[in-house]
Amino acid sequence: MIDTLVHNWMHRTGILQRLGAEHAYGAGCYRPGGCASIIEQAAERIDTRAFNPSFPQPFPRYVQIAIWRLCAQAGLGLCNGLTIDDRTCCANVGCPLFRRCDRVPLRVGQSQGNAP
């Protein structure tokens, strides 16, 4: 199941925009070209057996959990509405993805909130 942290990360990094897959959180995440299929495509290119030889290949759930852990306060807490003002671009130069990230604001021109 795609949660808001994963969807919002895909928006903030510009992945959805780059792939022409922009959509609101919810049912669009499961449509062809949505978050779930993007994660499945990424999982095809990531050999998770390098992390654990017993993992299946591909392993989309592992890729999704890695994204979630990058964002979640219970994980690294790097990319979420608590650490980034949703109205502005992320300025966390310490993020390991900063140079490859498009840093797209989640809500341009709206007041800050936690729901997309």
PDB file of N, CA and C in Angstrom:
ATOM      1  N   MET A   1       0.835  -1.180   0.000  1.00  0.00           N
ATOM      2  CA  MET A   1       0.000   0.000   0.000  1.00  0.00           C
ATOM      3  C   MET A   1       0.889   1.255   0.000  1.00  0.00           C
ATOM      4  N   ILE A   2       0.595   2.151  -0.876  1.00  0.00           N
ATOM      5  CA  ILE A   2       1.323   3.417  -0.967  1.00  0.00           C
ATOM      6  C   ILE A   2       0.772   4.363   0.098  1.00  0.00           C
ATOM      7  N   ASP A   3       1.646   4.883   0.953  1.00  0.00           N
ATOM      8  CA  ASP A   3       1.157   5.844   1.943  1.00  0.00           C
ATOM      9  C   ASP A   3       1.556   7.259   1.527  1.00  0.00           C
ATOM     10  N   THR A   4       1.102   8.241   2.302  1.00  0.00           N
ATOM     11  CA  THR A   4       1.336   9.633   1.920  1.00  0.00           C
ATOM     12  C   THR A   4       2.818   9.989   1.917  1.00  0.00           C
ATOM     13  N   LEU A   5       3.612   9.416   2.812  1.00  0.00           N
ATOM     14  CA  LEU A   5       5.045   9.726   2.820  1.00  0.00           C
ATOM     15  C   LEU A   5       5.698   9.341   1.499  1.00  0.00           C
ATOM     16  N   VAL A   6       5.361   8.158   1.005  1.00  0.00           N
ATOM     17  CA  VAL A   6       5.954   7.671  -0.245  1.00  0.00           C
ATOM     18  C   VAL A   6       5.467   8.509  -1.423  1.00  0.00           C
ATOM     19  N   HIS A   7       4.168   8.752  -1.487  1.00  0.00           N
ATOM     20  CA  HIS A   7       3.613   9.569  -2.574  1.00  0.00           C
ATOM     21  C   HIS A   7       4.227  10.973  -2.558  1.00  0.00           C
ATOM     22  N   ASN A   8       4.256  11.594  -1.378  1.00  0.00           N
ATOM     23  CA  ASN A   8       4.791  12.957  -1.288  1.00  0.00           C
ATOM     24  C   ASN A   8       6.276  13.004  -1.626  1.00  0.00           C
ATOM     25  N   TRP A   9       7.034  11.973  -1.262  1.00  0.00           N
ATOM     26  CA  TRP A   9       8.449  11.900  -1.636  1.00  0.00           C
ATOM     27  C   TRP A   9       8.581  11.865  -3.155  1.00  0.00           C
ATOM     28  N   MET A  10       7.727  11.082  -3.807  1.00  0.00           N
ATOM     29  CA  MET A  10       7.792  10.995  -5.275  1.00  0.00           C
ATOM     30  C   MET A  10       7.447  12.338  -5.914  1.00  0.00           C
ATOM     31  N   HIS A  11       6.543  13.093  -5.279  1.00  0.00           N
ATOM     32  CA  HIS A  11       6.219  14.426  -5.772  1.00  0.00           C
ATOM     33  C   HIS A  11       7.391  15.387  -5.531  1.00  0.00           C
ATOM     34  N   ARG A  12       7.874  15.451  -4.268  1.00  0.00           N
ATOM     35  CA  ARG A  12       8.930  16.400  -3.903  1.00  0.00           C
ATOM     36  C   ARG A  12      10.212  16.193  -4.705  1.00  0.00           C
ATOM     37  N   THR A  13      10.556  14.949  -4.970  1.00  0.00           N
ATOM     38  CA  THR A  13      11.792  14.675  -5.709  1.00  0.00           C
ATOM     39  C   THR A  13      11.647  14.986  -7.191  1.00  0.00           C
ATOM     40  N   GLY A  14      10.420  15.150  -7.669  1.00  0.00           N
ATOM     41  CA  GLY A  14      10.178  15.424  -9.080  1.00  0.00           C
ATOM     42  C   GLY A  14       9.991  14.176  -9.916  1.00  0.00           C
ATOM     43  N   ILE A  15       9.982  13.020  -9.278  1.00  0.00           N
ATOM     44  CA  ILE A  15       9.826  11.767 -10.026  1.00  0.00           C
ATOM     45  C   ILE A  15       8.502  11.744 -10.773  1.00  0.00           C
ATOM     46  N   LEU A  16       7.419  12.117 -10.100  1.00  0.00           N
ATOM     47  CA  LEU A  16       6.108  12.096 -10.764  1.00  0.00           C
ATOM     48  C   LEU A  16       6.090  13.066 -11.939  1.00  0.00           C
ATOM     49  N   GLN A  17       6.659  14.243 -11.748  1.00  0.00           N
ATOM     50  CA  GLN A  17       6.696  15.247 -12.811  1.00  0.00           C
ATOM     51  C   GLN A  17       7.541  14.762 -13.989  1.00  0.00           C
ATOM     52  N   ARG A  18       8.723  14.235 -13.703  1.00  0.00           N
ATOM     53  CA  ARG A  18       9.615  13.756 -14.770  1.00  0.00           C
ATOM     54  C   ARG A  18       8.968  12.674 -15.620  1.00  0.00           C
ATOM     55  N   LEU A  19       8.172  11.824 -14.981  1.00  0.00           N
ATOM     56  CA  LEU A  19       7.555  10.708 -15.692  1.00  0.00           C
ATOM     57  C   LEU A  19       6.172  11.041 -16.234  1.00  0.00           C
ATOM     58  N   GLY A  20       5.736  12.287 -16.082  1.00  0.00           N
ATOM     59  CA  GLY A  20       4.396  12.672 -16.545  1.00  0.00           C
ATOM     60  C   GLY A  20       3.312  11.923 -15.808  1.00  0.00           C
ATOM     61  N   ALA A  21       3.548  11.657 -14.526  1.00  0.00           N
ATOM     62  CA  ALA A  21       2.634  10.836 -13.734  1.00  0.00           C
ATOM     63  C   ALA A  21       2.041  11.602 -12.555  1.00  0.00           C
ATOM     64  N   GLU A  22       1.987  12.918 -12.628  1.00  0.00           N
ATOM     65  CA  GLU A  22       1.477  13.703 -11.506  1.00  0.00           C
ATOM     66  C   GLU A  22       0.016  13.348 -11.242  1.00  0.00           C
ATOM     67  N   HIS A  23      -0.285  13.163  -9.971  1.00  0.00           N
ATOM     68  CA  HIS A  23      -1.637  12.823  -9.541  1.00  0.00           C
ATOM     69  C   HIS A  23      -1.760  13.128  -8.058  1.00  0.00           C
ATOM     70  N   ALA A  24      -2.995  13.249  -7.607  1.00  0.00           N
ATOM     71  CA  ALA A  24      -3.251  13.446  -6.180  1.00  0.00           C
ATOM     72  C   ALA A  24      -3.084  12.105  -5.470  1.00  0.00           C
ATOM     73  N   TYR A  25      -2.772  12.179  -4.184  1.00  0.00           N
ATOM     74  CA  TYR A  25      -2.649  10.956  -3.400  1.00  0.00           C
ATOM     75  C   TYR A  25      -3.993  10.232  -3.374  1.00  0.00           C
ATOM     76  N   GLY A  26      -3.942   8.929  -3.512  1.00  0.00           N
ATOM     77  CA  GLY A  26      -5.160   8.118  -3.452  1.00  0.00           C
ATOM     78  C   GLY A  26      -5.187   7.120  -4.593  1.00  0.00           C
ATOM     79  N   ALA A  27      -6.326   7.033  -5.242  1.00  0.00           N
ATOM     80  CA  ALA A  27      -6.518   6.033  -6.296  1.00  0.00           C
ATOM     81  C   ALA A  27      -5.496   6.171  -7.423  1.00  0.00           C
ATOM     82  N   GLY A  28      -5.059   7.395  -7.709  1.00  0.00           N
ATOM     83  CA  GLY A  28      -4.072   7.609  -8.765  1.00  0.00           C
ATOM     84  C   GLY A  28      -2.762   6.898  -8.508  1.00  0.00           C
ATOM     85  N   CYS A  29      -2.473   6.627  -7.261  1.00  0.00           N
ATOM     86  CA  CYS A  29      -1.231   5.921  -6.913  1.00  0.00           C
ATOM     87  C   CYS A  29      -1.224   4.497  -7.452  1.00  0.00           C
ATOM     88  N   TYR A  30      -2.414   3.948  -7.739  1.00  0.00           N
ATOM     89  CA  TYR A  30      -2.529   2.551  -8.176  1.00  0.00           C
ATOM     90  C   TYR A  30      -2.904   2.415  -9.650  1.00  0.00           C
ATOM     91  N   ARG A  31      -3.107   3.521 -10.306  1.00  0.00           N
ATOM     92  CA  ARG A  31      -3.397   3.477 -11.745  1.00  0.00           C
ATOM     93  C   ARG A  31      -2.114   3.198 -12.509  1.00  0.00           C
ATOM     94  N   PRO A  32      -2.226   2.728 -13.760  1.00  0.00           N
ATOM     95  CA  PRO A  32      -1.014   2.544 -14.565  1.00  0.00           C
ATOM     96  C   PRO A  32      -0.214   3.843 -14.612  1.00  0.00           C
ATOM     97  N   GLY A  33       1.072   3.760 -14.340  1.00  0.00           N
ATOM     98  CA  GLY A  33       1.933   4.934 -14.319  1.00  0.00           C
ATOM     99  C   GLY A  33       1.946   5.659 -12.988  1.00  0.00           C
ATOM    100  N   GLY A  34       1.168   5.181 -12.009  1.00  0.00           N
ATOM    101  CA  GLY A  34       1.118   5.803 -10.695  1.00  0.00           C
ATOM    102  C   GLY A  34       2.265   5.331  -9.809  1.00  0.00           C
ATOM    103  N   CYS A  35       2.226   5.731  -8.570  1.00  0.00           N
ATOM    104  CA  CYS A  35       3.307   5.439  -7.616  1.00  0.00           C
ATOM    105  C   CYS A  35       3.647   3.948  -7.543  1.00  0.00           C
ATOM    106  N   ALA A  36       2.622   3.104  -7.445  1.00  0.00           N
ATOM    107  CA  ALA A  36       2.872   1.662  -7.305  1.00  0.00           C
ATOM    108  C   ALA A  36       3.630   1.112  -8.507  1.00  0.00           C
ATOM    109  N   SER A  37       3.225   1.508  -9.714  1.00  0.00           N
ATOM    110  CA  SER A  37       3.918   0.975 -10.894  1.00  0.00           C
ATOM    111  C   SER A  37       5.315   1.572 -11.042  1.00  0.00           C
ATOM    112  N   ILE A  38       5.508   2.803 -10.599  1.00  0.00           N
ATOM    113  CA  ILE A  38       6.848   3.405 -10.635  1.00  0.00           C
ATOM    114  C   ILE A  38       7.775   2.641  -9.694  1.00  0.00           C
ATOM    115  N   ILE A  39       7.275   2.304  -8.509  1.00  0.00           N
ATOM    116  CA  ILE A  39       8.075   1.522  -7.563  1.00  0.00           C
ATOM    117  C   ILE A  39       8.371   0.138  -8.134  1.00  0.00           C
ATOM    118  N   GLU A  40       7.403  -0.475  -8.779  1.00  0.00           N
ATOM    119  CA  GLU A  40       7.637  -1.782  -9.405  1.00  0.00           C
ATOM    120  C   GLU A  40       8.720  -1.692 -10.479  1.00  0.00           C
ATOM    121  N   GLN A  41       8.690  -0.644 -11.280  1.00  0.00           N
ATOM    122  CA  GLN A  41       9.710  -0.461 -12.309  1.00  0.00           C
ATOM    123  C   GLN A  41      11.086  -0.239 -11.684  1.00  0.00           C
ATOM    124  N   ALA A  42      11.143   0.551 -10.622  1.00  0.00           N
ATOM    125  CA  ALA A  42      12.416   0.785  -9.937  1.00  0.00           C
ATOM    126  C   ALA A  42      12.944  -0.517  -9.346  1.00  0.00           C
ATOM    127  N   ALA A  43      12.053  -1.328  -8.794  1.00  0.00           N
ATOM    128  CA  ALA A  43      12.452  -2.597  -8.183  1.00  0.00           C
ATOM    129  C   ALA A  43      13.067  -3.550  -9.200  1.00  0.00           C
ATOM    130  N   GLU A  44      12.665  -3.433 -10.438  1.00  0.00           N
ATOM    131  CA  GLU A  44      13.255  -4.261 -11.500  1.00  0.00           C
ATOM    132  C   GLU A  44      14.735  -3.931 -11.684  1.00  0.00           C
ATOM    133  N   ARG A  45      15.110  -2.690 -11.379  1.00  0.00           N
ATOM    134  CA  ARG A  45      16.489  -2.222 -11.602  1.00  0.00           C
ATOM    135  C   ARG A  45      17.367  -2.304 -10.361  1.00  0.00           C
ATOM    136  N   ILE A  46      16.767  -2.609  -9.201  1.00  0.00           N
ATOM    137  CA  ILE A  46      17.514  -2.683  -7.947  1.00  0.00           C
ATOM    138  C   ILE A  46      17.578  -4.139  -7.506  1.00  0.00           C
ATOM    139  N   ASP A  47      18.757  -4.677  -7.463  1.00  0.00           N
ATOM    140  CA  ASP A  47      18.916  -6.062  -7.030  1.00  0.00           C
ATOM    141  C   ASP A  47      19.032  -6.094  -5.508  1.00  0.00           C
ATOM    142  N   THR A  48      17.910  -6.295  -4.847  1.00  0.00           N
ATOM    143  CA  THR A  48      17.884  -6.289  -3.384  1.00  0.00           C
ATOM    144  C   THR A  48      18.632  -7.478  -2.784  1.00  0.00           C
ATOM    145  N   ARG A  49      18.987  -8.442  -3.601  1.00  0.00           N
ATOM    146  CA  ARG A  49      19.773  -9.576  -3.091  1.00  0.00           C
ATOM    147  C   ARG A  49      21.162  -9.123  -2.662  1.00  0.00           C
ATOM    148  N   ALA A  50      21.581  -7.951  -3.100  1.00  0.00           N
ATOM    149  CA  ALA A  50      22.862  -7.390  -2.643  1.00  0.00           C
ATOM    150  C   ALA A  50      22.784  -7.033  -1.160  1.00  0.00           C
ATOM    151  N   PHE A  51      21.581  -6.760  -0.674  1.00  0.00           N
ATOM    152  CA  PHE A  51      21.374  -6.443   0.736  1.00  0.00           C
ATOM    153  C   PHE A  51      21.129  -7.696   1.569  1.00  0.00           C
ATOM    154  N   ASN A  52      20.445  -8.650   0.950  1.00  0.00           N
ATOM    155  CA  ASN A  52      20.150  -9.913   1.620  1.00  0.00           C
ATOM    156  C   ASN A  52      19.926 -10.960   0.536  1.00  0.00           C
ATOM    157  N   PRO A  53      20.787 -11.968   0.439  1.00  0.00           N
ATOM    158  CA  PRO A  53      20.679 -12.969  -0.627  1.00  0.00           C
ATOM    159  C   PRO A  53      19.350 -13.723  -0.635  1.00  0.00           C
ATOM    160  N   SER A  54      18.622 -13.720   0.477  1.00  0.00           N
ATOM    161  CA  SER A  54      17.346 -14.433   0.516  1.00  0.00           C
ATOM    162  C   SER A  54      16.183 -13.602  -0.026  1.00  0.00           C
ATOM    163  N   PHE A  55      16.424 -12.314  -0.322  1.00  0.00           N
ATOM    164  CA  PHE A  55      15.356 -11.465  -0.851  1.00  0.00           C
ATOM    165  C   PHE A  55      15.001 -11.900  -2.277  1.00  0.00           C
ATOM    166  N   PRO A  56      13.724 -11.758  -2.639  1.00  0.00           N
ATOM    167  CA  PRO A  56      13.326 -12.040  -4.026  1.00  0.00           C
ATOM    168  C   PRO A  56      13.801 -10.920  -4.951  1.00  0.00           C
ATOM    169  N   GLN A  57      13.843 -11.198  -6.220  1.00  0.00           N
ATOM    170  CA  GLN A  57      14.169 -10.188  -7.217  1.00  0.00           C
ATOM    171  C   GLN A  57      13.124 -10.273  -8.311  1.00  0.00           C
ATOM    172  N   PRO A  58      12.378  -9.216  -8.546  1.00  0.00           N
ATOM    173  CA  PRO A  58      12.401  -7.908  -7.903  1.00  0.00           C
ATOM    174  C   PRO A  58      11.666  -7.949  -6.558  1.00  0.00           C
ATOM    175  N   PHE A  59      11.843  -6.899  -5.755  1.00  0.00           N
ATOM    176  CA  PHE A  59      11.240  -6.815  -4.426  1.00  0.00           C
ATOM    177  C   PHE A  59      10.694  -5.399  -4.214  1.00  0.00           C
ATOM    178  N   PRO A  60       9.538  -5.066  -4.859  1.00  0.00           N
ATOM    179  CA  PRO A  60       8.986  -3.717  -4.775  1.00  0.00           C
ATOM    180  C   PRO A  60       8.701  -3.259  -3.342  1.00  0.00           C
ATOM    181  N   ARG A  61       8.264  -4.155  -2.496  1.00  0.00           N
ATOM    182  CA  ARG A  61       7.942  -3.762  -1.115  1.00  0.00           C
ATOM    183  C   ARG A  61       9.185  -3.263  -0.382  1.00  0.00           C
ATOM    184  N   TYR A  62      10.324  -3.872  -0.638  1.00  0.00           N
ATOM    185  CA  TYR A  62      11.565  -3.442  -0.008  1.00  0.00           C
ATOM    186  C   TYR A  62      11.940  -2.034  -0.476  1.00  0.00           C
ATOM    187  N   VAL A  63      11.759  -1.770  -1.751  1.00  0.00           N
ATOM    188  CA  VAL A  63      12.043  -0.435  -2.297  1.00  0.00           C
ATOM    189  C   VAL A  63      11.114   0.594  -1.654  1.00  0.00           C
ATOM    190  N   GLN A  64       9.834   0.257  -1.533  1.00  0.00           N
ATOM    191  CA  GLN A  64       8.877   1.164  -0.916  1.00  0.00           C
ATOM    192  C   GLN A  64       9.230   1.407   0.546  1.00  0.00           C
ATOM    193  N   ILE A  65       9.624   0.389   1.269  1.00  0.00           N
ATOM    194  CA  ILE A  65      10.000   0.550   2.676  1.00  0.00           C
ATOM    195  C   ILE A  65      11.241   1.437   2.798  1.00  0.00           C
ATOM    196  N   ALA A  66      12.181   1.305   1.878  1.00  0.00           N
ATOM    197  CA  ALA A  66      13.379   2.156   1.905  1.00  0.00           C
ATOM    198  C   ALA A  66      12.994   3.627   1.734  1.00  0.00           C
ATOM    199  N   ILE A  67      12.060   3.908   0.839  1.00  0.00           N
ATOM    200  CA  ILE A  67      11.582   5.280   0.646  1.00  0.00           C
ATOM    201  C   ILE A  67      10.899   5.759   1.922  1.00  0.00           C
ATOM    202  N   TRP A  68      10.037   4.922   2.489  1.00  0.00           N
ATOM    203  CA  TRP A  68       9.321   5.278   3.703  1.00  0.00           C
ATOM    204  C   TRP A  68      10.303   5.595   4.836  1.00  0.00           C
ATOM    205  N   ARG A  69      11.336   4.769   4.988  1.00  0.00           N
ATOM    206  CA  ARG A  69      12.306   4.978   6.066  1.00  0.00           C
ATOM    207  C   ARG A  69      13.101   6.278   5.867  1.00  0.00           C
ATOM    208  N   LEU A  70      13.343   6.655   4.629  1.00  0.00           N
ATOM    209  CA  LEU A  70      14.013   7.926   4.352  1.00  0.00           C
ATOM    210  C   LEU A  70      13.158   9.090   4.851  1.00  0.00           C
ATOM    211  N   CYS A  71      11.852   8.955   4.721  1.00  0.00           N
ATOM    212  CA  CYS A  71      10.930  10.042   5.035  1.00  0.00           C
ATOM    213  C   CYS A  71      10.396  10.038   6.461  1.00  0.00           C
ATOM    214  N   ALA A  72      10.122   8.896   7.012  1.00  0.00           N
ATOM    215  CA  ALA A  72       9.410   8.778   8.286  1.00  0.00           C
ATOM    216  C   ALA A  72      10.221   9.279   9.471  1.00  0.00           C
ATOM    217  N   GLN A  73       9.541   9.917  10.407  1.00  0.00           N
ATOM    218  CA  GLN A  73      10.191  10.360  11.636  1.00  0.00           C
ATOM    219  C   GLN A  73      10.791   9.170  12.382  1.00  0.00           C
ATOM    220  N   ALA A  74      10.160   8.005  12.266  1.00  0.00           N
ATOM    221  CA  ALA A  74      10.681   6.796  12.917  1.00  0.00           C
ATOM    222  C   ALA A  74      11.884   6.229  12.156  1.00  0.00           C
ATOM    223  N   GLY A  75      12.155   6.775  10.992  1.00  0.00           N
ATOM    224  CA  GLY A  75      13.323   6.375  10.199  1.00  0.00           C
ATOM    225  C   GLY A  75      14.330   7.519  10.194  1.00  0.00           C
ATOM    226  N   LEU A  76      14.751   7.945   9.007  1.00  0.00           N
ATOM    227  CA  LEU A  76      15.705   9.049   8.906  1.00  0.00           C
ATOM    228  C   LEU A  76      15.044  10.422   9.018  1.00  0.00           C
ATOM    229  N   GLY A  77      13.751  10.486   8.707  1.00  0.00           N
ATOM    230  CA  GLY A  77      13.015  11.739   8.850  1.00  0.00           C
ATOM    231  C   GLY A  77      13.512  12.869   7.963  1.00  0.00           C
ATOM    232  N   LEU A  78      14.019  12.542   6.774  1.00  0.00           N
ATOM    233  CA  LEU A  78      14.608  13.571   5.911  1.00  0.00           C
ATOM    234  C   LEU A  78      13.612  14.295   5.012  1.00  0.00           C
ATOM    235  N   CYS A  79      12.588  13.619   4.580  1.00  0.00           N
ATOM    236  CA  CYS A  79      11.720  14.202   3.554  1.00  0.00           C
ATOM    237  C   CYS A  79      10.267  14.034   3.964  1.00  0.00           C
ATOM    238  N   ASN A  80       9.797  14.961   4.794  1.00  0.00           N
ATOM    239  CA  ASN A  80       8.396  14.919   5.214  1.00  0.00           C
ATOM    240  C   ASN A  80       7.945  16.334   5.573  1.00  0.00           C
ATOM    241  N   GLY A  81       6.661  16.484   5.803  1.00  0.00           N
ATOM    242  CA  GLY A  81       6.097  17.795   6.094  1.00  0.00           C
ATOM    243  C   GLY A  81       6.532  18.395   7.422  1.00  0.00           C
ATOM    244  N   LEU A  82       7.161  17.613   8.263  1.00  0.00           N
ATOM    245  CA  LEU A  82       7.671  18.150   9.524  1.00  0.00           C
ATOM    246  C   LEU A  82       9.056  18.765   9.351  1.00  0.00           C
ATOM    247  N   THR A  83       9.805  18.283   8.371  1.00  0.00           N
ATOM    248  CA  THR A  83      11.157  18.798   8.158  1.00  0.00           C
ATOM    249  C   THR A  83      11.251  19.746   6.962  1.00  0.00           C
ATOM    250  N   ILE A  84      10.244  19.737   6.118  1.00  0.00           N
ATOM    251  CA  ILE A  84      10.230  20.591   4.927  1.00  0.00           C
ATOM    252  C   ILE A  84       8.918  21.364   4.921  1.00  0.00           C
ATOM    253  N   ASP A  85       9.000  22.673   4.770  1.00  0.00           N
ATOM    254  CA  ASP A  85       7.802  23.486   4.609  1.00  0.00           C
ATOM    255  C   ASP A  85       7.214  23.114   3.249  1.00  0.00           C
ATOM    256  N   ASP A  86       5.998  22.589   3.247  1.00  0.00           N
ATOM    257  CA  ASP A  86       5.384  22.090   2.018  1.00  0.00           C
ATOM    258  C   ASP A  86       5.182  23.152   0.946  1.00  0.00           C
ATOM    259  N   ARG A  87       5.312  24.434   1.329  1.00  0.00           N
ATOM    260  CA  ARG A  87       5.117  25.521   0.363  1.00  0.00           C
ATOM    261  C   ARG A  87       6.399  25.906  -0.349  1.00  0.00           C
ATOM    262  N   THR A  88       7.529  25.383   0.112  1.00  0.00           N
ATOM    263  CA  THR A  88       8.815  25.782  -0.458  1.00  0.00           C
ATOM    264  C   THR A  88       9.628  24.562  -0.889  1.00  0.00           C
ATOM    265  N   CYS A  89      10.698  24.832  -1.588  1.00  0.00           N
ATOM    266  CA  CYS A  89      11.619  23.774  -1.993  1.00  0.00           C
ATOM    267  C   CYS A  89      12.466  23.343  -0.806  1.00  0.00           C
ATOM    268  N   CYS A  90      12.798  22.088  -0.751  1.00  0.00           N
ATOM    269  CA  CYS A  90      13.666  21.566   0.300  1.00  0.00           C
ATOM    270  C   CYS A  90      15.049  22.211   0.162  1.00  0.00           C
ATOM    271  N   ALA A  91      15.633  22.546   1.292  1.00  0.00           N
ATOM    272  CA  ALA A  91      16.974  23.147   1.299  1.00  0.00           C
ATOM    273  C   ALA A  91      17.962  22.301   2.088  1.00  0.00           C
ATOM    274  N   ASN A  92      17.624  21.022   2.320  1.00  0.00           N
ATOM    275  CA  ASN A  92      18.474  20.141   3.117  1.00  0.00           C
ATOM    276  C   ASN A  92      19.646  19.630   2.275  1.00  0.00           C
ATOM    277  N   VAL A  93      20.707  20.403   2.230  1.00  0.00           N
ATOM    278  CA  VAL A  93      21.880  20.022   1.434  1.00  0.00           C
ATOM    279  C   VAL A  93      22.563  18.777   1.997  1.00  0.00           C
ATOM    280  N   GLY A  94      22.235  18.398   3.228  1.00  0.00           N
ATOM    281  CA  GLY A  94      22.808  17.191   3.823  1.00  0.00           C
ATOM    282  C   GLY A  94      22.115  15.916   3.392  1.00  0.00           C
ATOM    283  N   CYS A  95      21.017  16.030   2.684  1.00  0.00           N
ATOM    284  CA  CYS A  95      20.300  14.845   2.205  1.00  0.00           C
ATOM    285  C   CYS A  95      21.145  14.147   1.142  1.00  0.00           C
ATOM    286  N   PRO A  96      21.272  12.835   1.229  1.00  0.00           N
ATOM    287  CA  PRO A  96      22.087  12.126   0.238  1.00  0.00           C
ATOM    288  C   PRO A  96      21.542  12.215  -1.190  1.00  0.00           C
ATOM    289  N   LEU A  97      20.284  12.606  -1.337  1.00  0.00           N
ATOM    290  CA  LEU A  97      19.687  12.715  -2.672  1.00  0.00           C
ATOM    291  C   LEU A  97      19.599  14.161  -3.167  1.00  0.00           C
ATOM    292  N   PHE A  98      20.083  15.104  -2.387  1.00  0.00           N
ATOM    293  CA  PHE A  98      19.886  16.522  -2.690  1.00  0.00           C
ATOM    294  C   PHE A  98      20.298  16.899  -4.117  1.00  0.00           C
ATOM    295  N   ARG A  99      21.444  16.460  -4.550  1.00  0.00           N
ATOM    296  CA  ARG A  99      21.939  16.865  -5.882  1.00  0.00           C
ATOM    297  C   ARG A  99      21.132  16.260  -7.024  1.00  0.00           C
ATOM    298  N   ARG A 100      20.430  15.154  -6.762  1.00  0.00           N
ATOM    299  CA  ARG A 100      19.652  14.494  -7.814  1.00  0.00           C
ATOM    300  C   ARG A 100      18.166  14.799  -7.706  1.00  0.00           C
ATOM    301  N   CYS A 101      17.784  15.531  -6.664  1.00  0.00           N
ATOM    302  CA  CYS A 101      16.381  15.817  -6.366  1.00  0.00           C
ATOM    303  C   CYS A 101      15.958  17.115  -7.041  1.00  0.00           C
ATOM    304  N   ASP A 102      14.743  17.137  -7.578  1.00  0.00           N
ATOM    305  CA  ASP A 102      14.216  18.359  -8.201  1.00  0.00           C
ATOM    306  C   ASP A 102      13.642  19.330  -7.172  1.00  0.00           C
ATOM    307  N   ARG A 103      13.449  18.894  -5.931  1.00  0.00           N
ATOM    308  CA  ARG A 103      12.965  19.736  -4.830  1.00  0.00           C
ATOM    309  C   ARG A 103      11.710  20.528  -5.210  1.00  0.00           C
ATOM    310  N   VAL A 104      10.661  19.810  -5.559  1.00  0.00           N
ATOM    311  CA  VAL A 104       9.394  20.408  -5.969  1.00  0.00           C
ATOM    312  C   VAL A 104       8.538  20.654  -4.719  1.00  0.00           C
ATOM    313  N   PRO A 105       8.077  21.894  -4.506  1.00  0.00           N
ATOM    314  CA  PRO A 105       7.198  22.143  -3.360  1.00  0.00           C
ATOM    315  C   PRO A 105       5.928  21.294  -3.471  1.00  0.00           C
ATOM    316  N   LEU A 106       5.436  20.846  -2.356  1.00  0.00           N
ATOM    317  CA  LEU A 106       4.233  20.015  -2.355  1.00  0.00           C
ATOM    318  C   LEU A 106       2.984  20.842  -2.596  1.00  0.00           C
ATOM    319  N   ARG A 107       2.944  22.047  -2.033  1.00  0.00           N
ATOM    320  CA  ARG A 107       1.777  22.915  -2.143  1.00  0.00           C
ATOM    321  C   ARG A 107       2.210  24.343  -2.430  1.00  0.00           C
ATOM    322  N   VAL A 108       2.265  24.715  -3.648  1.00  0.00           N
ATOM    323  CA  VAL A 108       2.671  26.076  -3.991  1.00  0.00           C
ATOM    324  C   VAL A 108       1.505  27.028  -3.692  1.00  0.00           C
ATOM    325  N   GLY A 109       1.828  28.077  -2.886  1.00  0.00           N
ATOM    326  CA  GLY A 109       0.855  29.120  -2.635  1.00  0.00           C
ATOM    327  C   GLY A 109      -0.222  28.779  -1.641  1.00  0.00           C
ATOM    328  N   GLN A 110      -0.156  27.645  -0.954  1.00  0.00           N
ATOM    329  CA  GLN A 110      -1.160  27.281   0.038  1.00  0.00           C
ATOM    330  C   GLN A 110      -0.539  27.347   1.413  1.00  0.00           C
ATOM    331  N   SER A 111      -1.371  27.380   2.417  1.00  0.00           N
ATOM    332  CA  SER A 111      -0.857  27.341   3.784  1.00  0.00           C
ATOM    333  C   SER A 111      -0.332  25.948   4.079  1.00  0.00           C
ATOM    334  N   GLN A 112       0.625  25.884   4.983  1.00  0.00           N
ATOM    335  CA  GLN A 112       1.254  24.608   5.306  1.00  0.00           C
ATOM    336  C   GLN A 112       0.264  23.687   5.987  1.00  0.00           C
ATOM    337  N   GLY A 113       0.329  22.407   5.631  1.00  0.00           N
ATOM    338  CA  GLY A 113      -0.491  21.361   6.226  1.00  0.00           C
ATOM    339  C   GLY A 113       0.163  20.031   5.993  1.00  0.00           C
ATOM    340  N   ASN A 114      -0.423  18.980   6.475  1.00  0.00           N
ATOM    341  CA  ASN A 114       0.196  17.666   6.326  1.00  0.00           C
ATOM    342  C   ASN A 114      -0.497  16.773   5.326  1.00  0.00           C
ATOM    343  N   ALA A 115      -1.647  17.137   4.820  1.00  0.00           N
ATOM    344  CA  ALA A 115      -2.332  16.283   3.852  1.00  0.00           C
ATOM    345  C   ALA A 115      -2.131  16.849   2.454  1.00  0.00           C
ATOM    346  N   PRO A 116      -1.870  15.978   1.462  1.00  0.00           N
ATOM    347  CA  PRO A 116      -1.679  16.466   0.095  1.00  0.00           C
ATOM    348  C   PRO A 116      -2.954  16.977  -0.524  1.00  0.00           C
TER     349      PRO A 116
END
